[in-house]
Amino acid sequence: MQFSEYQTQAISTLTSDHAYGDTTAELMAQVLGLVGESGEVAEKFKKIIRDKGGKLSHEDKAEIIKELGDILWYVNAVSHLLDSNIEEVATKNLEKVLSRKERGVTKGSGDNR
């Protein structure tokens, strides 16, 4: 297959019927920030595995904790813009994971297992 053939076929699946509705630029900026910070945590772990044989130093842990703080900041911002708060987010999450534990479905995939 030539890349030009891939490009033509792949772009035919692109849809443009997205509507932003209530999703503001402010909210999207915070969501993208959350994704970016989460990526930074993943990147740090990738380098620990690749360069350090998976061994976490105190410095590594401190850097990851700083990034987790940034993630928490964005979770707070996104929940606020959705007229919620971290307490509600935490409560709903705990209900979800405890329900999965109770039903024996902590492993597997799918949001509504």
PDB file of N, CA and C in Angstrom:
ATOM      1  N   MET A   1       0.847  -1.180   0.000  1.00  0.00           N
ATOM      2  CA  MET A   1       0.000   0.000   0.000  1.00  0.00           C
ATOM      3  C   MET A   1       0.892   1.242   0.000  1.00  0.00           C
ATOM      4  N   GLN A   2       0.517   2.203  -0.781  1.00  0.00           N
ATOM      5  CA  GLN A   2       1.199   3.487  -0.814  1.00  0.00           C
ATOM      6  C   GLN A   2       0.537   4.412   0.210  1.00  0.00           C
ATOM      7  N   PHE A   3       1.328   5.327   0.780  1.00  0.00           N
ATOM      8  CA  PHE A   3       0.760   6.258   1.746  1.00  0.00           C
ATOM      9  C   PHE A   3      -0.334   7.121   1.128  1.00  0.00           C
ATOM     10  N   SER A   4      -0.208   7.441  -0.137  1.00  0.00           N
ATOM     11  CA  SER A   4      -1.251   8.246  -0.778  1.00  0.00           C
ATOM     12  C   SER A   4      -2.586   7.504  -0.790  1.00  0.00           C
ATOM     13  N   GLU A   5      -2.540   6.187  -0.973  1.00  0.00           N
ATOM     14  CA  GLU A   5      -3.758   5.381  -0.931  1.00  0.00           C
ATOM     15  C   GLU A   5      -4.331   5.362   0.488  1.00  0.00           C
ATOM     16  N   TYR A   6      -3.443   5.187   1.473  1.00  0.00           N
ATOM     17  CA  TYR A   6      -3.886   5.230   2.872  1.00  0.00           C
ATOM     18  C   TYR A   6      -4.546   6.573   3.175  1.00  0.00           C
ATOM     19  N   GLN A   7      -3.877   7.660   2.781  1.00  0.00           N
ATOM     20  CA  GLN A   7      -4.392   9.003   3.061  1.00  0.00           C
ATOM     21  C   GLN A   7      -5.792   9.180   2.497  1.00  0.00           C
ATOM     22  N   THR A   8      -5.989   8.766   1.252  1.00  0.00           N
ATOM     23  CA  THR A   8      -7.279   8.935   0.597  1.00  0.00           C
ATOM     24  C   THR A   8      -8.364   8.133   1.305  1.00  0.00           C
ATOM     25  N   GLN A   9      -8.056   6.876   1.622  1.00  0.00           N
ATOM     26  CA  GLN A   9      -9.064   6.033   2.271  1.00  0.00           C
ATOM     27  C   GLN A   9      -9.313   6.457   3.714  1.00  0.00           C
ATOM     28  N   ALA A  10      -8.258   6.766   4.439  1.00  0.00           N
ATOM     29  CA  ALA A  10      -8.412   7.135   5.842  1.00  0.00           C
ATOM     30  C   ALA A  10      -9.188   8.440   5.992  1.00  0.00           C
ATOM     31  N   ILE A  11      -8.888   9.422   5.154  1.00  0.00           N
ATOM     32  CA  ILE A  11      -9.558  10.725   5.284  1.00  0.00           C
ATOM     33  C   ILE A  11     -11.042  10.612   4.942  1.00  0.00           C
ATOM     34  N   SER A  12     -11.414   9.570   4.190  1.00  0.00           N
ATOM     35  CA  SER A  12     -12.833   9.389   3.866  1.00  0.00           C
ATOM     36  C   SER A  12     -13.650   9.039   5.104  1.00  0.00           C
ATOM     37  N   THR A  13     -12.993   8.630   6.189  1.00  0.00           N
ATOM     38  CA  THR A  13     -13.708   8.297   7.427  1.00  0.00           C
ATOM     39  C   THR A  13     -13.823   9.494   8.369  1.00  0.00           C
ATOM     40  N   LEU A  14     -13.207  10.611   8.020  1.00  0.00           N
ATOM     41  CA  LEU A  14     -13.249  11.814   8.845  1.00  0.00           C
ATOM     42  C   LEU A  14     -14.646  12.411   8.818  1.00  0.00           C
ATOM     43  N   THR A  15     -15.183  12.679   9.986  1.00  0.00           N
ATOM     44  CA  THR A  15     -16.510  13.299  10.045  1.00  0.00           C
ATOM     45  C   THR A  15     -16.366  14.747  10.498  1.00  0.00           C
ATOM     46  N   SER A  16     -17.298  15.556  10.097  1.00  0.00           N
ATOM     47  CA  SER A  16     -17.251  16.970  10.485  1.00  0.00           C
ATOM     48  C   SER A  16     -18.586  17.416  11.060  1.00  0.00           C
ATOM     49  N   ASP A  17     -19.324  16.466  11.598  1.00  0.00           N
ATOM     50  CA  ASP A  17     -20.643  16.799  12.129  1.00  0.00           C
ATOM     51  C   ASP A  17     -20.612  17.013  13.639  1.00  0.00           C
ATOM     52  N   HIS A  18     -19.497  17.517  14.137  1.00  0.00           N
ATOM     53  CA  HIS A  18     -19.363  17.759  15.563  1.00  0.00           C
ATOM     54  C   HIS A  18     -20.022  19.085  15.937  1.00  0.00           C
ATOM     55  N   ALA A  19     -20.694  19.086  17.063  1.00  0.00           N
ATOM     56  CA  ALA A  19     -21.302  20.307  17.571  1.00  0.00           C
ATOM     57  C   ALA A  19     -20.745  20.571  18.964  1.00  0.00           C
ATOM     58  N   TYR A  20     -20.369  21.797  19.233  1.00  0.00           N
ATOM     59  CA  TYR A  20     -19.796  22.119  20.525  1.00  0.00           C
ATOM     60  C   TYR A  20     -20.855  22.384  21.592  1.00  0.00           C
ATOM     61  N   GLY A  21     -22.052  22.757  21.200  1.00  0.00           N
ATOM     62  CA  GLY A  21     -23.127  22.949  22.167  1.00  0.00           C
ATOM     63  C   GLY A  21     -22.697  23.773  23.361  1.00  0.00           C
ATOM     64  N   ASP A  22     -22.761  23.181  24.541  1.00  0.00           N
ATOM     65  CA  ASP A  22     -22.403  23.873  25.779  1.00  0.00           C
ATOM     66  C   ASP A  22     -20.908  23.811  26.091  1.00  0.00           C
ATOM     67  N   THR A  23     -20.135  23.150  25.242  1.00  0.00           N
ATOM     68  CA  THR A  23     -18.700  23.015  25.474  1.00  0.00           C
ATOM     69  C   THR A  23     -18.007  24.293  25.031  1.00  0.00           C
ATOM     70  N   THR A  24     -17.561  25.063  25.998  1.00  0.00           N
ATOM     71  CA  THR A  24     -16.934  26.347  25.717  1.00  0.00           C
ATOM     72  C   THR A  24     -15.439  26.171  25.457  1.00  0.00           C
ATOM     73  N   ALA A  25     -14.842  27.190  24.907  1.00  0.00           N
ATOM     74  CA  ALA A  25     -13.390  27.189  24.711  1.00  0.00           C
ATOM     75  C   ALA A  25     -12.679  27.082  26.056  1.00  0.00           C
ATOM     76  N   GLU A  26     -13.236  27.717  27.084  1.00  0.00           N
ATOM     77  CA  GLU A  26     -12.651  27.652  28.421  1.00  0.00           C
ATOM     78  C   GLU A  26     -12.635  26.212  28.942  1.00  0.00           C
ATOM     79  N   LEU A  27     -13.755  25.517  28.779  1.00  0.00           N
ATOM     80  CA  LEU A  27     -13.830  24.127  29.219  1.00  0.00           C
ATOM     81  C   LEU A  27     -12.873  23.256  28.412  1.00  0.00           C
ATOM     82  N   MET A  28     -12.850  23.416  27.104  1.00  0.00           N
ATOM     83  CA  MET A  28     -11.958  22.608  26.270  1.00  0.00           C
ATOM     84  C   MET A  28     -10.498  22.840  26.627  1.00  0.00           C
ATOM     85  N   ALA A  29     -10.133  24.063  26.949  1.00  0.00           N
ATOM     86  CA  ALA A  29      -8.755  24.362  27.345  1.00  0.00           C
ATOM     87  C   ALA A  29      -8.380  23.586  28.601  1.00  0.00           C
ATOM     88  N   GLN A  30      -9.305  23.492  29.539  1.00  0.00           N
ATOM     89  CA  GLN A  30      -9.031  22.760  30.782  1.00  0.00           C
ATOM     90  C   GLN A  30      -8.962  21.260  30.525  1.00  0.00           C
ATOM     91  N   VAL A  31      -9.841  20.753  29.676  1.00  0.00           N
ATOM     92  CA  VAL A  31      -9.810  19.322  29.340  1.00  0.00           C
ATOM     93  C   VAL A  31      -8.500  18.979  28.640  1.00  0.00           C
ATOM     94  N   LEU A  32      -8.066  19.822  27.727  1.00  0.00           N
ATOM     95  CA  LEU A  32      -6.793  19.576  27.043  1.00  0.00           C
ATOM     96  C   LEU A  32      -5.618  19.678  28.009  1.00  0.00           C
ATOM     97  N   GLY A  33      -5.713  20.578  28.973  1.00  0.00           N
ATOM     98  CA  GLY A  33      -4.685  20.667  30.011  1.00  0.00           C
ATOM     99  C   GLY A  33      -4.623  19.392  30.832  1.00  0.00           C
ATOM    100  N   LEU A  34      -5.772  18.847  31.182  1.00  0.00           N
ATOM    101  CA  LEU A  34      -5.850  17.595  31.932  1.00  0.00           C
ATOM    102  C   LEU A  34      -5.200  16.458  31.145  1.00  0.00           C
ATOM    103  N   VAL A  35      -5.509  16.376  29.875  1.00  0.00           N
ATOM    104  CA  VAL A  35      -4.916  15.348  29.019  1.00  0.00           C
ATOM    105  C   VAL A  35      -3.401  15.536  28.928  1.00  0.00           C
ATOM    106  N   GLY A  36      -2.966  16.773  28.782  1.00  0.00           N
ATOM    107  CA  GLY A  36      -1.536  17.053  28.692  1.00  0.00           C
ATOM    108  C   GLY A  36      -0.787  16.656  29.949  1.00  0.00           C
ATOM    109  N   GLU A  37      -1.322  16.998  31.099  1.00  0.00           N
ATOM    110  CA  GLU A  37      -0.664  16.650  32.360  1.00  0.00           C
ATOM    111  C   GLU A  37      -0.657  15.138  32.570  1.00  0.00           C
ATOM    112  N   SER A  38      -1.739  14.463  32.188  1.00  0.00           N
ATOM    113  CA  SER A  38      -1.781  13.008  32.290  1.00  0.00           C
ATOM    114  C   SER A  38      -0.711  12.391  31.392  1.00  0.00           C
ATOM    115  N   GLY A  39      -0.527  12.979  30.233  1.00  0.00           N
ATOM    116  CA  GLY A  39       0.525  12.518  29.330  1.00  0.00           C
ATOM    117  C   GLY A  39       1.909  12.702  29.924  1.00  0.00           C
ATOM    118  N   GLU A  40       2.096  13.775  30.687  1.00  0.00           N
ATOM    119  CA  GLU A  40       3.388  14.002  31.327  1.00  0.00           C
ATOM    120  C   GLU A  40       3.682  12.916  32.356  1.00  0.00           C
ATOM    121  N   VAL A  41       2.670  12.471  33.099  1.00  0.00           N
ATOM    122  CA  VAL A  41       2.864  11.376  34.053  1.00  0.00           C
ATOM    123  C   VAL A  41       3.241  10.101  33.293  1.00  0.00           C
ATOM    124  N   ALA A  42       2.535   9.817  32.221  1.00  0.00           N
ATOM    125  CA  ALA A  42       2.837   8.627  31.422  1.00  0.00           C
ATOM    126  C   ALA A  42       4.250   8.701  30.857  1.00  0.00           C
ATOM    127  N   GLU A  43       4.645   9.861  30.393  1.00  0.00           N
ATOM    128  CA  GLU A  43       5.990  10.052  29.839  1.00  0.00           C
ATOM    129  C   GLU A  43       7.062   9.797  30.893  1.00  0.00           C
ATOM    130  N   LYS A  44       6.835  10.263  32.108  1.00  0.00           N
ATOM    131  CA  LYS A  44       7.804  10.036  33.189  1.00  0.00           C
ATOM    132  C   LYS A  44       7.951   8.543  33.464  1.00  0.00           C
ATOM    133  N   PHE A  45       6.834   7.824  33.499  1.00  0.00           N
ATOM    134  CA  PHE A  45       6.904   6.383  33.723  1.00  0.00           C
ATOM    135  C   PHE A  45       7.572   5.669  32.555  1.00  0.00           C
ATOM    136  N   LYS A  46       7.300   6.121  31.342  1.00  0.00           N
ATOM    137  CA  LYS A  46       7.948   5.511  30.177  1.00  0.00           C
ATOM    138  C   LYS A  46       9.457   5.610  30.312  1.00  0.00           C
ATOM    139  N   LYS A  47       9.953   6.773  30.706  1.00  0.00           N
ATOM    140  CA  LYS A  47      11.400   6.973  30.842  1.00  0.00           C
ATOM    141  C   LYS A  47      11.977   6.180  32.007  1.00  0.00           C
ATOM    142  N   ILE A  48      11.206   6.015  33.081  1.00  0.00           N
ATOM    143  CA  ILE A  48      11.662   5.208  34.214  1.00  0.00           C
ATOM    144  C   ILE A  48      11.814   3.751  33.775  1.00  0.00           C
ATOM    145  N   ILE A  49      10.856   3.265  33.010  1.00  0.00           N
ATOM    146  CA  ILE A  49      10.924   1.891  32.515  1.00  0.00           C
ATOM    147  C   ILE A  49      12.047   1.751  31.488  1.00  0.00           C
ATOM    148  N   ARG A  50      12.110   2.679  30.547  1.00  0.00           N
ATOM    149  CA  ARG A  50      13.101   2.596  29.474  1.00  0.00           C
ATOM    150  C   ARG A  50      14.518   2.814  29.972  1.00  0.00           C
ATOM    151  N   ASP A  51      14.719   3.827  30.817  1.00  0.00           N
ATOM    152  CA  ASP A  51      16.075   4.242  31.182  1.00  0.00           C
ATOM    153  C   ASP A  51      16.553   3.722  32.533  1.00  0.00           C
ATOM    154  N   LYS A  52      15.625   3.330  33.397  1.00  0.00           N
ATOM    155  CA  LYS A  52      16.020   2.980  34.765  1.00  0.00           C
ATOM    156  C   LYS A  52      15.562   1.586  35.180  1.00  0.00           C
ATOM    157  N   GLY A  53      15.173   0.778  34.210  1.00  0.00           N
ATOM    158  CA  GLY A  53      14.733  -0.570  34.535  1.00  0.00           C
ATOM    159  C   GLY A  53      13.534  -0.611  35.452  1.00  0.00           C
ATOM    160  N   GLY A  54      12.727   0.438  35.445  1.00  0.00           N
ATOM    161  CA  GLY A  54      11.518   0.490  36.256  1.00  0.00           C
ATOM    162  C   GLY A  54      11.736   0.875  37.708  1.00  0.00           C
ATOM    163  N   LYS A  55      12.958   1.219  38.052  1.00  0.00           N
ATOM    164  CA  LYS A  55      13.255   1.582  39.446  1.00  0.00           C
ATOM    165  C   LYS A  55      12.948   3.059  39.686  1.00  0.00           C
ATOM    166  N   LEU A  56      12.078   3.311  40.662  1.00  0.00           N
ATOM    167  CA  LEU A  56      11.655   4.670  41.010  1.00  0.00           C
ATOM    168  C   LEU A  56      12.560   5.250  42.087  1.00  0.00           C
ATOM    169  N   SER A  57      13.157   6.387  41.790  1.00  0.00           N
ATOM    170  CA  SER A  57      13.955   7.082  42.806  1.00  0.00           C
ATOM    171  C   SER A  57      13.046   8.025  43.591  1.00  0.00           C
ATOM    172  N   HIS A  58      13.572   8.563  44.686  1.00  0.00           N
ATOM    173  CA  HIS A  58      12.816   9.561  45.455  1.00  0.00           C
ATOM    174  C   HIS A  58      12.530  10.776  44.583  1.00  0.00           C
ATOM    175  N   GLU A  59      13.489  11.142  43.737  1.00  0.00           N
ATOM    176  CA  GLU A  59      13.301  12.292  42.837  1.00  0.00           C
ATOM    177  C   GLU A  59      12.198  12.007  41.823  1.00  0.00           C
ATOM    178  N   ASP A  60      12.188  10.783  41.283  1.00  0.00           N
ATOM    179  CA  ASP A  60      11.135  10.408  40.334  1.00  0.00           C
ATOM    180  C   ASP A  60       9.768  10.535  40.995  1.00  0.00           C
ATOM    181  N   LYS A  61       9.646   9.983  42.194  1.00  0.00           N
ATOM    182  CA  LYS A  61       8.371  10.041  42.910  1.00  0.00           C
ATOM    183  C   LYS A  61       7.949  11.480  43.163  1.00  0.00           C
ATOM    184  N   ALA A  62       8.903  12.328  43.548  1.00  0.00           N
ATOM    185  CA  ALA A  62       8.584  13.740  43.812  1.00  0.00           C
ATOM    186  C   ALA A  62       8.090  14.429  42.542  1.00  0.00           C
ATOM    187  N   GLU A  63       8.729  14.140  41.409  1.00  0.00           N
ATOM    188  CA  GLU A  63       8.313  14.752  40.139  1.00  0.00           C
ATOM    189  C   GLU A  63       6.926  14.265  39.718  1.00  0.00           C
ATOM    190  N   ILE A  64       6.664  12.980  39.907  1.00  0.00           N
ATOM    191  CA  ILE A  64       5.358  12.430  39.547  1.00  0.00           C
ATOM    192  C   ILE A  64       4.279  13.024  40.448  1.00  0.00           C
ATOM    193  N   ILE A  65       4.571  13.163  41.715  1.00  0.00           N
ATOM    194  CA  ILE A  65       3.597  13.766  42.634  1.00  0.00           C
ATOM    195  C   ILE A  65       3.289  15.207  42.226  1.00  0.00           C
ATOM    196  N   LYS A  66       4.309  15.946  41.778  1.00  0.00           N
ATOM    197  CA  LYS A  66       4.054  17.314  41.291  1.00  0.00           C
ATOM    198  C   LYS A  66       3.113  17.293  40.093  1.00  0.00           C
ATOM    199  N   GLU A  67       3.332  16.352  39.185  1.00  0.00           N
ATOM    200  CA  GLU A  67       2.457  16.253  38.010  1.00  0.00           C
ATOM    201  C   GLU A  67       1.047  15.842  38.420  1.00  0.00           C
ATOM    202  N   LEU A  68       0.933  14.940  39.399  1.00  0.00           N
ATOM    203  CA  LEU A  68      -0.395  14.554  39.898  1.00  0.00           C
ATOM    204  C   LEU A  68      -1.119  15.760  40.490  1.00  0.00           C
ATOM    205  N   GLY A  69      -0.369  16.655  41.110  1.00  0.00           N
ATOM    206  CA  GLY A  69      -0.964  17.897  41.611  1.00  0.00           C
ATOM    207  C   GLY A  69      -1.528  18.737  40.476  1.00  0.00           C
ATOM    208  N   ASP A  70      -0.802  18.782  39.356  1.00  0.00           N
ATOM    209  CA  ASP A  70      -1.306  19.512  38.187  1.00  0.00           C
ATOM    210  C   ASP A  70      -2.583  18.862  37.660  1.00  0.00           C
ATOM    211  N   ILE A  71      -2.612  17.525  37.654  1.00  0.00           N
ATOM    212  CA  ILE A  71      -3.817  16.814  37.219  1.00  0.00           C
ATOM    213  C   ILE A  71      -4.977  17.157  38.141  1.00  0.00           C
ATOM    214  N   LEU A  72      -4.718  17.164  39.440  1.00  0.00           N
ATOM    215  CA  LEU A  72      -5.762  17.510  40.412  1.00  0.00           C
ATOM    216  C   LEU A  72      -6.294  18.916  40.157  1.00  0.00           C
ATOM    217  N   TRP A  73      -5.392  19.844  39.833  1.00  0.00           N
ATOM    218  CA  TRP A  73      -5.807  21.215  39.544  1.00  0.00           C
ATOM    219  C   TRP A  73      -6.777  21.223  38.359  1.00  0.00           C
ATOM    220  N   TYR A  74      -6.427  20.485  37.310  1.00  0.00           N
ATOM    221  CA  TYR A  74      -7.299  20.457  36.127  1.00  0.00           C
ATOM    222  C   TYR A  74      -8.607  19.726  36.408  1.00  0.00           C
ATOM    223  N   VAL A  75      -8.576  18.661  37.206  1.00  0.00           N
ATOM    224  CA  VAL A  75      -9.820  17.978  37.583  1.00  0.00           C
ATOM    225  C   VAL A  75     -10.727  18.955  38.317  1.00  0.00           C
ATOM    226  N   ASN A  76     -10.146  19.742  39.217  1.00  0.00           N
ATOM    227  CA  ASN A  76     -10.921  20.755  39.928  1.00  0.00           C
ATOM    228  C   ASN A  76     -11.517  21.765  38.953  1.00  0.00           C
ATOM    229  N   ALA A  77     -10.709  22.244  38.013  1.00  0.00           N
ATOM    230  CA  ALA A  77     -11.183  23.246  37.054  1.00  0.00           C
ATOM    231  C   ALA A  77     -12.296  22.688  36.170  1.00  0.00           C
ATOM    232  N   VAL A  78     -12.106  21.484  35.653  1.00  0.00           N
ATOM    233  CA  VAL A  78     -13.123  20.881  34.782  1.00  0.00           C
ATOM    234  C   VAL A  78     -14.402  20.621  35.569  1.00  0.00           C
ATOM    235  N   SER A  79     -14.277  20.069  36.773  1.00  0.00           N
ATOM    236  CA  SER A  79     -15.490  19.801  37.551  1.00  0.00           C
ATOM    237  C   SER A  79     -16.226  21.100  37.888  1.00  0.00           C
ATOM    238  N   HIS A  80     -15.471  22.157  38.191  1.00  0.00           N
ATOM    239  CA  HIS A  80     -16.088  23.461  38.468  1.00  0.00           C
ATOM    240  C   HIS A  80     -16.860  23.966  37.247  1.00  0.00           C
ATOM    241  N   LEU A  81     -16.243  23.865  36.073  1.00  0.00           N
ATOM    242  CA  LEU A  81     -16.902  24.338  34.850  1.00  0.00           C
ATOM    243  C   LEU A  81     -18.096  23.472  34.468  1.00  0.00           C
ATOM    244  N   LEU A  82     -18.172  22.276  35.043  1.00  0.00           N
ATOM    245  CA  LEU A  82     -19.334  21.404  34.827  1.00  0.00           C
ATOM    246  C   LEU A  82     -20.331  21.520  35.984  1.00  0.00           C
ATOM    247  N   ASP A  83     -20.188  22.593  36.756  1.00  0.00           N
ATOM    248  CA  ASP A  83     -21.065  22.845  37.904  1.00  0.00           C
ATOM    249  C   ASP A  83     -21.020  21.708  38.928  1.00  0.00           C
ATOM    250  N   SER A  84     -19.816  21.217  39.181  1.00  0.00           N
ATOM    251  CA  SER A  84     -19.607  20.153  40.144  1.00  0.00           C
ATOM    252  C   SER A  84     -18.419  20.535  41.020  1.00  0.00           C
ATOM    253  N   ASN A  85     -17.842  19.564  41.715  1.00  0.00           N
ATOM    254  CA  ASN A  85     -16.670  19.805  42.543  1.00  0.00           C
ATOM    255  C   ASN A  85     -15.924  18.496  42.751  1.00  0.00           C
ATOM    256  N   ILE A  86     -14.737  18.584  43.325  1.00  0.00           N
ATOM    257  CA  ILE A  86     -13.915  17.393  43.520  1.00  0.00           C
ATOM    258  C   ILE A  86     -14.589  16.404  44.457  1.00  0.00           C
ATOM    259  N   GLU A  87     -15.305  16.899  45.450  1.00  0.00           N
ATOM    260  CA  GLU A  87     -15.992  15.994  46.376  1.00  0.00           C
ATOM    261  C   GLU A  87     -17.000  15.117  45.644  1.00  0.00           C
ATOM    262  N   GLU A  88     -17.791  15.724  44.739  1.00  0.00           N
ATOM    263  CA  GLU A  88     -18.759  14.941  43.970  1.00  0.00           C
ATOM    264  C   GLU A  88     -18.039  13.946  43.065  1.00  0.00           C
ATOM    265  N   VAL A  89     -16.963  14.381  42.426  1.00  0.00           N
ATOM    266  CA  VAL A  89     -16.189  13.494  41.550  1.00  0.00           C
ATOM    267  C   VAL A  89     -15.678  12.294  42.345  1.00  0.00           C
ATOM    268  N   ALA A  90     -15.102  12.559  43.514  1.00  0.00           N
ATOM    269  CA  ALA A  90     -14.553  11.488  44.348  1.00  0.00           C
ATOM    270  C   ALA A  90     -15.658  10.553  44.840  1.00  0.00           C
ATOM    271  N   THR A  91     -16.780  11.116  45.265  1.00  0.00           N
ATOM    272  CA  THR A  91     -17.892  10.307  45.761  1.00  0.00           C
ATOM    273  C   THR A  91     -18.422   9.384  44.673  1.00  0.00           C
ATOM    274  N   LYS A  92     -18.656   9.930  43.495  1.00  0.00           N
ATOM    275  CA  LYS A  92     -19.175   9.124  42.376  1.00  0.00           C
ATOM    276  C   LYS A  92     -18.175   8.042  41.986  1.00  0.00           C
ATOM    277  N   ASN A  93     -16.882   8.379  41.986  1.00  0.00           N
ATOM    278  CA  ASN A  93     -15.874   7.395  41.635  1.00  0.00           C
ATOM    279  C   ASN A  93     -15.831   6.268  42.656  1.00  0.00           C
ATOM    280  N   LEU A  94     -15.893   6.627  43.932  1.00  0.00           N
ATOM    281  CA  LEU A  94     -15.858   5.606  44.981  1.00  0.00           C
ATOM    282  C   LEU A  94     -17.075   4.687  44.882  1.00  0.00           C
ATOM    283  N   GLU A  95     -18.244   5.264  44.617  1.00  0.00           N
ATOM    284  CA  GLU A  95     -19.448   4.442  44.426  1.00  0.00           C
ATOM    285  C   GLU A  95     -19.236   3.457  43.283  1.00  0.00           C
ATOM    286  N   LYS A  96     -18.651   3.932  42.191  1.00  0.00           N
ATOM    287  CA  LYS A  96     -18.433   3.092  41.010  1.00  0.00           C
ATOM    288  C   LYS A  96     -17.464   1.951  41.315  1.00  0.00           C
ATOM    289  N   VAL A  97     -16.294   2.274  41.892  1.00  0.00           N
ATOM    290  CA  VAL A  97     -15.283   1.229  42.105  1.00  0.00           C
ATOM    291  C   VAL A  97     -15.703   0.245  43.195  1.00  0.00           C
ATOM    292  N   LEU A  98     -16.402   0.724  44.232  1.00  0.00           N
ATOM    293  CA  LEU A  98     -16.880  -0.192  45.272  1.00  0.00           C
ATOM    294  C   LEU A  98     -17.970  -1.118  44.737  1.00  0.00           C
ATOM    295  N   SER A  99     -18.797  -0.606  43.845  1.00  0.00           N
ATOM    296  CA  SER A  99     -19.813  -1.432  43.207  1.00  0.00           C
ATOM    297  C   SER A  99     -19.152  -2.519  42.360  1.00  0.00           C
ATOM    298  N   ARG A 100     -18.123  -2.167  41.624  1.00  0.00           N
ATOM    299  CA  ARG A 100     -17.401  -3.158  40.820  1.00  0.00           C
ATOM    300  C   ARG A 100     -16.778  -4.221  41.722  1.00  0.00           C
ATOM    301  N   LYS A 101     -16.213  -3.781  42.833  1.00  0.00           N
ATOM    302  CA  LYS A 101     -15.602  -4.722  43.776  1.00  0.00           C
ATOM    303  C   LYS A 101     -16.653  -5.680  44.311  1.00  0.00           C
ATOM    304  N   GLU A 102     -17.798  -5.136  44.729  1.00  0.00           N
ATOM    305  CA  GLU A 102     -18.894  -5.932  45.272  1.00  0.00           C
ATOM    306  C   GLU A 102     -19.393  -6.972  44.278  1.00  0.00           C
ATOM    307  N   ARG A 103     -19.467  -6.571  43.008  1.00  0.00           N
ATOM    308  CA  ARG A 103     -19.983  -7.458  41.960  1.00  0.00           C
ATOM    309  C   ARG A 103     -18.899  -8.332  41.342  1.00  0.00           C
ATOM    310  N   GLY A 104     -17.637  -8.153  41.796  1.00  0.00           N
ATOM    311  CA  GLY A 104     -16.548  -8.985  41.280  1.00  0.00           C
ATOM    312  C   GLY A 104     -16.139  -8.659  39.858  1.00  0.00           C
ATOM    313  N   VAL A 105     -16.283  -7.385  39.463  1.00  0.00           N
ATOM    314  CA  VAL A 105     -15.928  -6.999  38.094  1.00  0.00           C
ATOM    315  C   VAL A 105     -14.870  -5.892  38.074  1.00  0.00           C
ATOM    316  N   THR A 106     -13.915  -5.981  39.003  1.00  0.00           N
ATOM    317  CA  THR A 106     -12.875  -4.953  39.013  1.00  0.00           C
ATOM    318  C   THR A 106     -11.905  -5.124  37.855  1.00  0.00           C
ATOM    319  N   LYS A 107     -11.810  -6.346  37.329  1.00  0.00           N
ATOM    320  CA  LYS A 107     -10.972  -6.585  36.155  1.00  0.00           C
ATOM    321  C   LYS A 107     -11.869  -6.596  34.931  1.00  0.00           C
ATOM    322  N   GLY A 108     -11.268  -6.386  33.798  1.00  0.00           N
ATOM    323  CA  GLY A 108     -12.035  -6.355  32.561  1.00  0.00           C
ATOM    324  C   GLY A 108     -12.043  -4.969  31.993  1.00  0.00           C
ATOM    325  N   SER A 109     -12.911  -4.737  31.043  1.00  0.00           N
ATOM    326  CA  SER A 109     -12.955  -3.421  30.413  1.00  0.00           C
ATOM    327  C   SER A 109     -14.404  -2.974  30.284  1.00  0.00           C
ATOM    328  N   GLY A 110     -14.554  -1.728  29.970  1.00  0.00           N
ATOM    329  CA  GLY A 110     -15.889  -1.160  29.809  1.00  0.00           C
ATOM    330  C   GLY A 110     -16.216  -0.240  30.970  1.00  0.00           C
ATOM    331  N   ASP A 111     -16.761   0.909  30.653  1.00  0.00           N
ATOM    332  CA  ASP A 111     -17.101   1.890  31.677  1.00  0.00           C
ATOM    333  C   ASP A 111     -18.203   1.406  32.606  1.00  0.00           C
ATOM    334  N   ASN A 112     -19.171   0.691  32.074  1.00  0.00           N
ATOM    335  CA  ASN A 112     -20.354   0.310  32.854  1.00  0.00           C
ATOM    336  C   ASN A 112     -20.372  -1.177  33.186  1.00  0.00           C
ATOM    337  N   ARG A 113     -19.241  -1.690  33.632  1.00  0.00           N
ATOM    338  CA  ARG A 113     -19.205  -3.115  33.981  1.00  0.00           C
ATOM    339  C   ARG A 113     -19.630  -3.325  35.419  1.00  0.00           C
TER     340      ARG A 113
END
